């Protein structure tokens, strides 16, 4: 039997394999969607708060779905990661995590996601998460294959993250879903595509050598960065549109959007065609702050009535 220390070490390897800390990108937007899904006419604070059971199930589903998708990504890309100096130290490449362990984790995380979706039907008589669980997992887990045939794979990843708020909205209150949910999904899609293009700039030589598709590899870093900037302009415009569509989003949300836009400007200024040394700061640190900031200010506005 594994000792507690050994089991904890294996868990750390599994979490390192999927960059668990990057869950911060999508999760805040799902939480934001939960609060926006509450009935807009509620006069009481309790009426503006999602049920704790729904909150817990959304959290389980988001973490489980991302864990399954990222592990599948690592499995599909292990041979490419082994030939890329930037990714050569990943657990599946070095042998710290076996293929059997990785597949077991995919199955376990996938089953946990399906169980969470079933929980919405069992506890709240909401069938939508169950009905959409299969297609959602397919979009998430098939993302690695997009890099084999299209340079628009960045937008596929954006859609995968953008489905998080849609799913959280449907899970919380499908009766209120409307243009706001689509706009939020679009904002996340273009925001994600923008920073994923930046991240892919590190692998231009490797992607070209391996025949993988990415905008930087196809068009060059300079053109790719302009496309990334355009994506973030669209994302900013959609976030502003969301504030105009939902009357509950007022000056607090406006401050959150202003901070997010300022951070995106900083992010874009950190990366230049001749200097990619600050990609990790632009990719992880700033985008994590963007998502958390927007969610906090939006939720504060909703709760403030």
Protein backbone atom coordinates (compact mmCIF):
# COMPACT_ATOMS: atom_id res chain seq x y z
CA UNK A 1 0.00 0.00 0.00
CA UNK A 2 1.26 3.48 -0.85
CA UNK A 3 2.33 5.61 2.09
CA UNK A 4 0.63 9.00 2.53
CA UNK A 5 3.86 10.72 1.43
CA UNK A 6 4.05 8.62 -1.73
CA UNK A 7 0.40 9.21 -2.55
CA UNK A 8 0.82 12.96 -2.02
CA UNK A 9 3.86 12.93 -4.31
CA UNK A 10 1.86 11.19 -7.06
CA UNK A 11 -0.93 13.73 -6.72
CA UNK A 12 1.60 16.56 -7.03
CA UNK A 13 2.95 15.01 -10.23
CA UNK A 14 -0.56 14.65 -11.66
CA UNK A 15 -1.37 18.29 -10.86
CA UNK A 16 1.97 19.46 -12.27
CA UNK A 17 1.25 17.53 -15.47
CA UNK A 18 -1.92 19.57 -16.10
CA UNK A 19 -0.66 22.91 -14.69
CA UNK A 20 -3.49 22.87 -12.16
CA UNK A 21 -2.84 26.50 -11.21
CA UNK A 22 -4.01 27.51 -14.70
CA UNK A 23 -7.56 26.61 -13.63
CA UNK A 24 -7.65 30.24 -12.51
CA UNK A 25 -8.14 31.27 -16.14
CA UNK A 26 -11.60 29.80 -16.72
CA UNK A 27 -13.07 29.22 -13.26
CA UNK A 28 -13.70 32.88 -12.32
CA UNK A 29 -15.75 33.40 -15.48
CA UNK A 30 -17.89 30.36 -14.65
CA UNK A 31 -18.51 31.77 -11.17
CA UNK A 32 -19.36 35.13 -12.70
CA UNK A 33 -21.88 33.42 -15.01
CA UNK A 34 -23.53 31.74 -12.03
CA UNK A 35 -24.33 35.09 -10.43
CA UNK A 36 -25.44 36.65 -13.72
CA UNK A 37 -27.79 33.68 -14.19
CA UNK A 38 -29.74 34.54 -11.06
CA UNK A 39 -33.14 36.23 -11.61
CA UNK A 40 -32.42 39.90 -12.34
CA UNK A 41 -35.52 41.15 -10.55
CA UNK A 42 -34.65 39.64 -7.15
CA UNK A 43 -34.98 42.25 -4.41
CA UNK A 44 -33.20 40.26 -1.69
CA UNK A 45 -29.57 39.30 -1.27
CA UNK A 46 -30.54 35.64 -0.85
CA UNK A 47 -32.34 35.77 -4.19
CA UNK A 48 -29.14 36.93 -5.86
CA UNK A 49 -27.02 34.11 -4.44
CA UNK A 50 -26.76 30.76 -6.28
CA UNK A 51 -27.69 27.71 -4.22
CA UNK A 52 -24.62 26.34 -2.42
CA UNK A 53 -25.22 22.93 -3.99
CA UNK A 54 -25.14 24.41 -7.49
CA UNK A 55 -21.96 26.31 -6.59
CA UNK A 56 -20.30 23.08 -5.40
CA UNK A 57 -21.37 21.09 -8.47
CA UNK A 58 -20.17 23.81 -10.88
CA UNK A 59 -16.83 23.85 -9.09
CA UNK A 60 -16.53 20.05 -9.35
CA UNK A 61 -17.50 20.03 -13.03
CA UNK A 62 -15.13 22.85 -14.00
CA UNK A 63 -12.12 21.33 -12.25
CA UNK A 64 -12.88 17.78 -13.41
CA UNK A 65 -13.50 18.75 -17.05
CA UNK A 66 -10.32 20.80 -17.28
CA UNK A 67 -8.29 18.07 -15.57
CA UNK A 68 -9.54 15.45 -18.03
CA UNK A 69 -8.93 17.71 -21.03
CA UNK A 70 -5.44 18.83 -20.02
CA UNK A 71 -4.32 15.28 -19.24
CA UNK A 72 -5.66 14.11 -22.61
CA UNK A 73 -3.72 16.98 -24.17
CA UNK A 74 -0.51 15.80 -22.53
CA UNK A 75 -1.11 12.23 -23.66
CA UNK A 76 -1.77 13.21 -27.27
CA UNK A 77 1.23 15.58 -27.41
CA UNK A 78 3.83 13.60 -25.47
CA UNK A 79 5.97 12.84 -28.52
CA UNK A 80 6.00 16.50 -29.54
CA UNK A 81 6.75 17.61 -25.98
CA UNK A 82 9.75 15.25 -25.92
CA UNK A 83 11.27 17.03 -28.93
CA UNK A 84 10.60 20.55 -27.62
CA UNK A 85 13.24 21.93 -25.21
CA UNK A 86 10.58 24.07 -23.50
CA UNK A 87 8.42 21.06 -22.64
CA UNK A 88 11.02 18.30 -22.34
CA UNK A 89 10.82 18.31 -18.53
CA UNK A 90 7.07 17.60 -18.37
CA UNK A 91 6.19 14.56 -16.21
CA UNK A 92 5.04 12.30 -19.05
CA UNK A 93 8.20 13.03 -21.03
CA UNK A 94 10.60 12.35 -18.18
CA UNK A 95 8.72 9.24 -17.03
CA UNK A 96 7.64 10.67 -13.68
CA UNK A 97 4.09 9.96 -14.87
CA UNK A 98 3.30 6.88 -16.92
CA UNK A 99 0.84 6.69 -19.76
CA UNK A 100 -1.26 4.22 -17.77
CA UNK A 101 -1.48 6.64 -14.82
CA UNK A 102 -2.37 9.50 -17.13
CA UNK A 103 -5.16 7.55 -18.83
CA UNK A 104 -6.50 6.44 -15.45
CA UNK A 105 -6.61 10.08 -14.40
CA UNK A 106 -8.46 11.06 -17.60
CA UNK A 107 -11.08 8.38 -16.95
CA UNK A 108 -11.43 9.33 -13.27
CA UNK A 109 -11.74 13.04 -14.02
CA UNK A 110 -14.19 12.37 -16.85
CA UNK A 111 -16.36 10.21 -14.63
CA UNK A 112 -16.27 12.86 -11.90
CA UNK A 113 -17.40 15.44 -14.45
CA UNK A 114 -20.28 13.22 -15.58
CA UNK A 115 -21.24 12.56 -11.96
CA UNK A 116 -21.30 16.29 -11.30
CA UNK A 117 -23.52 16.85 -14.33
CA UNK A 118 -25.84 14.10 -13.14
CA UNK A 119 -25.98 15.85 -9.78
CA UNK A 120 -27.80 18.79 -11.31
CA UNK A 121 -30.58 16.46 -12.49
CA UNK A 122 -30.75 14.48 -9.26
CA UNK A 123 -30.69 17.45 -6.88
CA UNK A 124 -32.23 20.26 -8.96
CA UNK A 125 -34.13 18.55 -11.78
CA UNK A 126 -32.01 20.39 -14.33
CA UNK A 127 -31.26 18.08 -17.31
CA UNK A 128 -29.12 20.51 -19.33
CA UNK A 129 -25.70 19.64 -17.84
CA UNK A 130 -26.32 15.93 -18.49
CA UNK A 131 -27.52 16.54 -22.04
CA UNK A 132 -24.49 18.67 -22.92
CA UNK A 133 -21.83 16.79 -20.96
CA UNK A 134 -20.76 14.59 -23.87
CA UNK A 135 -20.41 17.37 -26.47
CA UNK A 136 -18.59 19.57 -23.94
CA UNK A 137 -16.05 16.85 -23.16
CA UNK A 138 -15.57 16.21 -26.87
CA UNK A 139 -14.73 19.87 -27.53
CA UNK A 140 -12.34 19.95 -24.58
CA UNK A 141 -10.53 16.67 -25.20
CA UNK A 142 -10.25 17.02 -28.99
CA UNK A 143 -8.46 20.38 -28.79
CA UNK A 144 -4.97 18.81 -29.22
CA UNK A 145 -6.00 17.39 -32.59
CA UNK A 146 -6.89 20.86 -33.87
CA UNK A 147 -3.19 21.70 -33.94
CA UNK A 148 -2.73 18.92 -36.48
CA UNK A 149 -4.91 20.49 -39.17
CA UNK A 150 -5.73 24.17 -38.54
CA UNK A 151 -3.97 27.34 -37.48
CA UNK A 152 -7.22 28.37 -35.83
CA UNK A 153 -6.55 25.96 -32.97
CA UNK A 154 -6.18 28.99 -30.67
CA UNK A 155 -9.84 29.78 -31.24
CA UNK A 156 -10.78 26.16 -30.56
CA UNK A 157 -9.10 26.52 -27.16
CA UNK A 158 -10.96 29.80 -26.72
CA UNK A 159 -14.25 28.06 -27.41
CA UNK A 160 -13.35 25.31 -24.93
CA UNK A 161 -12.86 27.89 -22.17
CA UNK A 162 -15.81 29.99 -23.35
CA UNK A 163 -18.14 27.03 -22.90
CA UNK A 164 -17.42 27.17 -19.16
CA UNK A 165 -19.59 30.25 -18.51
CA UNK A 166 -22.30 28.90 -20.81
CA UNK A 167 -22.34 25.62 -18.92
CA UNK A 168 -22.34 27.33 -15.53
CA UNK A 169 -25.22 29.57 -16.64
CA UNK A 170 -27.31 26.63 -17.85
CA UNK A 171 -26.52 24.69 -14.69
CA UNK A 172 -27.57 27.58 -12.46
CA UNK A 173 -30.70 28.86 -14.18
CA UNK A 174 -31.39 27.89 -17.81
CA UNK A 175 -34.50 30.09 -17.84
CA UNK A 176 -32.39 33.28 -17.82
CA UNK A 177 -29.90 32.38 -20.55
CA UNK A 178 -29.82 34.87 -23.38
CA UNK A 179 -27.54 37.26 -25.29
CA UNK A 180 -25.54 38.07 -22.16
CA UNK A 181 -24.31 34.48 -21.90
CA UNK A 182 -23.30 34.41 -25.58
CA UNK A 183 -21.44 37.72 -25.23
CA UNK A 184 -19.60 36.47 -22.15
CA UNK A 185 -18.67 33.27 -23.99
CA UNK A 186 -17.36 35.36 -26.90
CA UNK A 187 -15.32 37.57 -24.60
CA UNK A 188 -13.66 34.54 -23.03
CA UNK A 189 -13.11 32.98 -26.48
CA UNK A 190 -11.25 35.99 -27.90
CA UNK A 191 -9.39 36.70 -24.65
CA UNK A 192 -8.14 33.10 -24.58
CA UNK A 193 -7.23 33.02 -28.27
CA UNK A 194 -5.28 36.25 -27.79
CA UNK A 195 -3.10 34.97 -24.98
CA UNK A 196 -2.72 31.49 -26.52
CA UNK A 197 -1.30 33.08 -29.67
CA UNK A 198 1.23 34.89 -27.49
CA UNK A 199 2.13 31.61 -25.79
CA UNK A 200 2.55 29.84 -29.14
CA UNK A 201 5.13 32.41 -30.23
CA UNK A 202 7.66 30.49 -28.12
CA UNK A 203 7.32 27.38 -30.30
CA UNK A 204 7.51 28.73 -33.84
CA UNK A 205 10.60 26.72 -34.83
CA UNK A 206 9.35 23.52 -33.18
CA UNK A 207 5.83 23.80 -34.65
CA UNK A 208 7.23 24.33 -38.14
CA UNK A 209 9.60 21.38 -37.79
CA UNK A 210 6.87 19.08 -36.47
CA UNK A 211 4.24 20.19 -38.98
CA UNK A 212 1.93 21.55 -36.27
CA UNK A 213 -0.44 24.40 -37.05
CA UNK A 214 -0.37 27.67 -35.14
CA UNK A 215 -0.73 31.27 -36.23
CA UNK A 216 2.84 32.27 -35.20
CA UNK A 217 4.31 29.31 -37.08
CA UNK A 218 2.30 30.11 -40.19
CA UNK A 219 2.45 33.91 -40.30
CA UNK A 220 5.44 34.75 -38.14
CA UNK A 221 5.67 36.27 -34.68
CA UNK A 222 5.14 39.90 -35.67
CA UNK A 223 1.89 39.21 -37.55
CA UNK A 224 0.73 36.82 -34.84
CA UNK A 225 1.13 39.48 -32.16
CA UNK A 226 -1.05 41.87 -34.15
CA UNK A 227 -3.72 39.18 -34.42
CA UNK A 228 -3.42 38.62 -30.67
CA UNK A 229 -3.92 42.35 -30.06
CA UNK A 230 -6.97 42.34 -32.32
CA UNK A 231 -8.42 39.42 -30.36
CA UNK A 232 -8.01 41.34 -27.12
CA UNK A 233 -9.65 44.41 -28.62
CA UNK A 234 -12.65 42.26 -29.55
CA UNK A 235 -12.67 40.71 -26.07
CA UNK A 236 -12.65 44.18 -24.47
CA UNK A 237 -15.50 45.33 -26.71
CA UNK A 238 -17.56 42.28 -25.76
CA UNK A 239 -16.95 42.86 -22.05
CA UNK A 240 -18.20 46.43 -22.47
CA UNK A 241 -21.21 45.12 -24.40
CA UNK A 242 -21.98 42.74 -21.52
CA UNK A 243 -22.14 45.68 -19.15
CA UNK A 244 -24.58 47.45 -21.46
CA UNK A 245 -26.79 44.36 -21.82
CA UNK A 246 -27.17 43.58 -18.10
CA UNK A 247 -28.57 46.49 -16.05
CA UNK A 248 -27.16 44.99 -12.84
CA UNK A 249 -23.62 45.63 -14.07
CA UNK A 250 -22.82 49.21 -13.17
CA UNK A 251 -19.85 51.26 -12.04
CA UNK A 252 -18.15 48.44 -10.15
CA UNK A 253 -18.15 46.23 -13.22
CA UNK A 254 -16.96 49.22 -15.23
CA UNK A 255 -13.94 49.54 -12.94
CA UNK A 256 -13.27 45.82 -13.35
CA UNK A 257 -13.37 46.11 -17.14
CA UNK A 258 -11.07 49.16 -17.06
CA UNK A 259 -8.54 47.26 -14.93
CA UNK A 260 -8.78 44.23 -17.21
CA UNK A 261 -8.24 46.33 -20.34
CA UNK A 262 -5.25 48.06 -18.72
CA UNK A 263 -3.77 44.65 -17.86
CA UNK A 264 -4.28 43.42 -21.42
CA UNK A 265 -2.45 46.50 -22.71
CA UNK A 266 0.41 45.75 -20.32
CA UNK A 267 0.36 42.11 -21.42
CA UNK A 268 0.66 43.06 -25.08
CA UNK A 269 3.44 45.56 -24.34
CA UNK A 270 5.54 42.90 -22.60
CA UNK A 271 5.89 40.74 -25.70
CA UNK A 272 7.73 41.86 -28.82
CA UNK A 273 8.78 39.98 -31.96
CA UNK A 274 12.42 40.38 -30.92
CA UNK A 275 11.89 39.68 -27.20
CA UNK A 276 9.77 36.79 -25.92
CA UNK A 277 11.47 36.60 -22.52
CA UNK A 278 8.37 37.85 -20.67
CA UNK A 279 5.84 35.50 -22.24
CA UNK A 280 5.25 33.61 -18.99
CA UNK A 281 4.46 36.83 -17.10
CA UNK A 282 2.10 37.91 -19.87
CA UNK A 283 0.52 34.46 -20.15
CA UNK A 284 -0.03 33.34 -16.56
CA UNK A 285 0.31 36.19 -14.08
CA UNK A 286 -1.56 38.92 -15.93
CA UNK A 287 -4.31 36.70 -17.35
CA UNK A 288 -4.95 35.18 -13.95
CA UNK A 289 -5.41 38.67 -12.54
CA UNK A 290 -7.69 39.63 -15.45
CA UNK A 291 -10.13 36.77 -14.86
CA UNK A 292 -10.21 37.14 -11.07
CA UNK A 293 -10.63 40.92 -11.25
CA UNK A 294 -13.50 40.80 -13.71
CA UNK A 295 -15.32 38.12 -11.76
CA UNK A 296 -14.93 39.89 -8.42
CA UNK A 297 -16.19 43.25 -9.66
CA UNK A 298 -19.06 41.71 -11.63
CA UNK A 299 -20.21 39.60 -8.70
CA UNK A 300 -19.94 42.59 -6.36
CA UNK A 301 -22.20 44.58 -8.69
CA UNK A 302 -24.78 41.79 -8.86
CA UNK A 303 -24.82 41.33 -5.10
CA UNK A 304 -25.02 45.06 -4.54
CA UNK A 305 -28.34 45.09 -6.35
